[in-house]
Amino acid sequence: MFEYNGYHFEPERNLKECEDKNLYTLSKHLRSDRELGMCDYDWKKCNYSLKKFYTASCGSKCDLFRCVENGKLYIPGEHELFEFI
């Protein structure tokens, strides 16, 4: 488990082959979580950096991370920590 921007995350797993086939398939599983608000957009609640997120994860190679506080799965993107549904 690691902490990033005041939240705690646990590395969950890598994407399954059926989830990672192409951008179209993957995008069906992604959505913005405005409640969490980790992004570099105008509506952000806190700053987000893909590089800093993975640095905080202590070198985890996982694609998906579970937030301890809300139980949701997330996938780090270039500009946003996306909710994975």
Protein backbone atom coordinates (compact mmCIF):
# COMPACT_ATOMS: atom_id res chain seq x y z
CA MET A 1 0.00 0.00 0.00
CA PHE A 2 1.18 3.53 -0.72
CA GLU A 3 -0.06 7.08 -0.22
CA TYR A 4 -0.58 9.64 -2.97
CA ASN A 5 -2.28 13.03 -2.52
CA GLY A 6 -3.74 12.00 0.83
CA TYR A 7 -5.29 8.76 -0.47
CA HIS A 8 -4.03 5.22 -0.01
CA PHE A 9 -3.75 2.82 -2.93
CA GLU A 10 -3.06 -0.89 -3.25
CA PRO A 11 -1.70 -2.34 -6.50
CA GLU A 12 -4.50 -4.62 -7.73
CA ARG A 13 -3.57 -6.26 -11.03
CA ASN A 14 -2.59 -5.78 -14.65
CA LEU A 15 -5.15 -5.40 -17.39
CA LYS A 16 -6.53 -8.62 -18.81
CA GLU A 17 -6.00 -9.25 -22.51
CA CYS A 18 -9.70 -8.67 -23.21
CA GLU A 19 -9.52 -5.27 -21.46
CA ASP A 20 -6.36 -4.07 -23.21
CA LYS A 21 -7.01 -5.02 -26.85
CA ASN A 22 -7.22 -1.49 -28.18
CA LEU A 23 -8.04 2.06 -27.17
CA TYR A 24 -11.71 1.64 -28.13
CA THR A 25 -12.13 -1.39 -25.85
CA LEU A 26 -10.16 0.15 -23.01
CA SER A 27 -12.05 3.44 -23.18
CA LYS A 28 -15.32 1.62 -22.41
CA HIS A 29 -13.91 0.93 -18.93
CA LEU A 30 -12.70 4.45 -18.12
CA ARG A 31 -14.44 7.44 -16.63
CA SER A 32 -13.44 10.62 -14.88
CA ASP A 33 -13.94 10.60 -11.13
CA ARG A 34 -14.70 14.22 -10.27
CA GLU A 35 -15.21 13.27 -6.63
CA LEU A 36 -11.58 12.11 -6.37
CA GLY A 37 -10.48 14.91 -8.70
CA MET A 38 -6.91 13.78 -9.41
CA CYS A 39 -6.04 15.33 -12.75
CA ASP A 40 -4.37 18.32 -14.36
CA TYR A 41 -7.64 19.80 -15.69
CA ASP A 42 -9.49 22.91 -14.49
CA TRP A 43 -11.85 20.87 -12.30
CA LYS A 44 -9.06 19.16 -10.33
CA LYS A 45 -9.26 18.86 -6.56
CA CYS A 46 -5.55 18.07 -6.26
CA ASN A 47 -2.54 17.97 -8.54
CA TYR A 48 -1.80 14.79 -10.45
CA SER A 49 1.32 13.50 -12.17
CA LEU A 50 1.59 10.08 -13.79
CA LYS A 51 5.30 9.94 -13.00
CA LYS A 52 4.80 10.93 -9.34
CA PHE A 53 1.96 8.42 -8.95
CA TYR A 54 4.16 5.53 -10.14
CA THR A 55 7.07 6.82 -8.04
CA ALA A 56 4.81 6.77 -4.96
CA SER A 57 3.75 3.21 -5.84
CA CYS A 58 7.29 2.02 -5.03
CA GLY A 59 7.94 0.63 -8.49
CA SER A 60 4.69 -1.29 -8.93
CA LYS A 61 4.19 -2.71 -12.43
CA CYS A 62 0.40 -2.98 -12.02
CA ASP A 63 -2.04 -1.23 -14.34
CA LEU A 64 -4.89 -1.05 -11.83
CA PHE A 65 -4.87 0.30 -8.29
CA ARG A 66 -7.57 0.12 -5.62
CA CYS A 67 -8.22 3.19 -3.49
CA VAL A 68 -8.53 2.13 0.15
CA GLU A 69 -10.75 5.08 1.07
CA ASN A 70 -13.49 4.50 -1.52
CA GLY A 71 -12.85 0.93 -2.76
CA LYS A 72 -12.80 1.99 -6.43
CA LEU A 73 -10.33 0.76 -9.05
CA TYR A 74 -8.20 3.32 -10.88
CA ILE A 75 -5.90 3.31 -13.87
CA PRO A 76 -3.26 6.03 -14.15
CA GLY A 77 -3.38 8.09 -17.33
CA GLU A 78 -1.18 10.87 -18.65
CA HIS A 79 -3.44 13.67 -17.37
CA GLU A 80 -5.81 11.95 -14.96
CA LEU A 81 -6.27 9.06 -12.56
CA PHE A 82 -9.23 7.38 -14.29
CA GLU A 83 -11.83 5.28 -12.52
CA PHE A 84 -11.85 1.79 -14.03
CA ILE A 85 -15.37 0.36 -14.29
